[in-house]
Amino acid sequence: MEQPPELHQQQEHGIHCPYCGEPLTILVDPSEPQQEYIEDCQVCCRPMVVSVEQDWDGDILVNVRDENEA
């Protein structure tokens, strides 16, 4: 049985910091199919722009970039 969106748990996603290149794990809320927010790198503390989308299959896609990239 599928849970209502408000009961979804956050999902872990592996990324690499666009500044220092360190591998990181972030938590993503799958209840919003498209979102963008800023999260500081856990290693170098620089602000990363995190973009989250849901594809046609329902998979969560996570992309990170530095705040100066267009």
Protein backbone atom coordinates (compact mmCIF):
# COMPACT_ATOMS: atom_id res chain seq x y z
CA MET A 1 0.00 0.00 0.00
CA GLU A 2 1.40 3.40 -0.98
CA GLN A 3 1.70 6.00 1.74
CA PRO A 4 0.19 9.47 1.30
CA PRO A 5 2.86 12.01 0.19
CA GLU A 6 2.98 13.69 3.60
CA LEU A 7 4.10 10.38 5.18
CA HIS A 8 7.03 9.74 2.81
CA GLN A 9 10.34 9.58 4.56
CA GLN A 10 13.36 11.50 3.38
CA GLN A 11 15.63 9.56 1.04
CA GLU A 12 19.43 9.49 1.12
CA HIS A 13 21.24 10.45 -2.09
CA GLY A 14 24.96 10.40 -2.75
CA ILE A 15 26.46 13.50 -4.37
CA HIS A 16 29.87 15.16 -4.81
CA CYS A 17 30.51 18.73 -3.69
CA PRO A 18 30.99 20.97 -6.76
CA TYR A 19 33.71 22.89 -4.87
CA CYS A 20 35.88 20.37 -3.01
CA GLY A 21 34.77 17.19 -4.82
CA GLU A 22 34.16 15.27 -1.60
CA PRO A 23 31.47 12.57 -1.67
CA LEU A 24 28.50 13.46 0.53
CA THR A 25 25.13 12.03 1.47
CA ILE A 26 22.15 14.37 1.58
CA LEU A 27 18.53 13.77 2.56
CA VAL A 28 15.87 14.60 -0.01
CA ASP A 29 12.14 14.99 0.63
CA PRO A 30 10.40 13.03 -2.17
CA SER A 31 6.98 14.55 -1.43
CA GLU A 32 7.76 17.56 -3.66
CA PRO A 33 8.40 16.42 -7.24
CA GLN A 34 10.45 19.51 -8.14
CA GLN A 35 12.47 21.65 -5.76
CA GLU A 36 15.63 23.72 -5.52
CA TYR A 37 17.38 24.85 -2.38
CA ILE A 38 20.82 25.75 -0.99
CA GLU A 39 22.67 23.40 1.33
CA ASP A 40 26.16 23.91 2.70
CA CYS A 41 28.81 21.26 1.99
CA GLN A 42 29.46 19.20 5.11
CA VAL A 43 33.22 19.32 4.41
CA CYS A 44 34.15 22.75 3.00
CA CYS A 45 30.99 24.62 4.15
CA ARG A 46 30.45 26.31 0.77
CA PRO A 47 26.85 26.74 -0.47
CA MET A 48 25.69 24.20 -3.06
CA VAL A 49 22.51 24.63 -5.10
CA VAL A 50 20.59 21.36 -4.89
CA SER A 51 18.01 20.66 -7.62
CA VAL A 52 15.61 17.76 -7.19
CA GLU A 53 13.27 16.42 -9.88
CA GLN A 54 11.12 13.36 -10.26
CA ASP A 55 11.31 11.55 -13.62
CA TRP A 56 8.46 9.80 -15.44
CA ASP A 57 9.20 6.53 -13.63
CA GLY A 58 8.95 8.22 -10.23
CA ASP A 59 12.70 8.10 -9.59
CA ILE A 60 14.25 11.06 -7.77
CA LEU A 61 17.04 12.84 -9.67
CA VAL A 62 19.43 15.05 -7.69
CA ASN A 63 21.84 17.56 -9.21
CA VAL A 64 24.21 19.90 -7.36
CA ARG A 65 26.12 22.91 -8.64
CA ASP A 66 28.03 25.82 -7.19
CA GLU A 67 26.02 28.96 -6.58
CA ASN A 68 27.76 30.85 -9.39
CA GLU A 69 26.80 28.39 -12.16
CA ALA A 70 23.91 29.44 -14.35
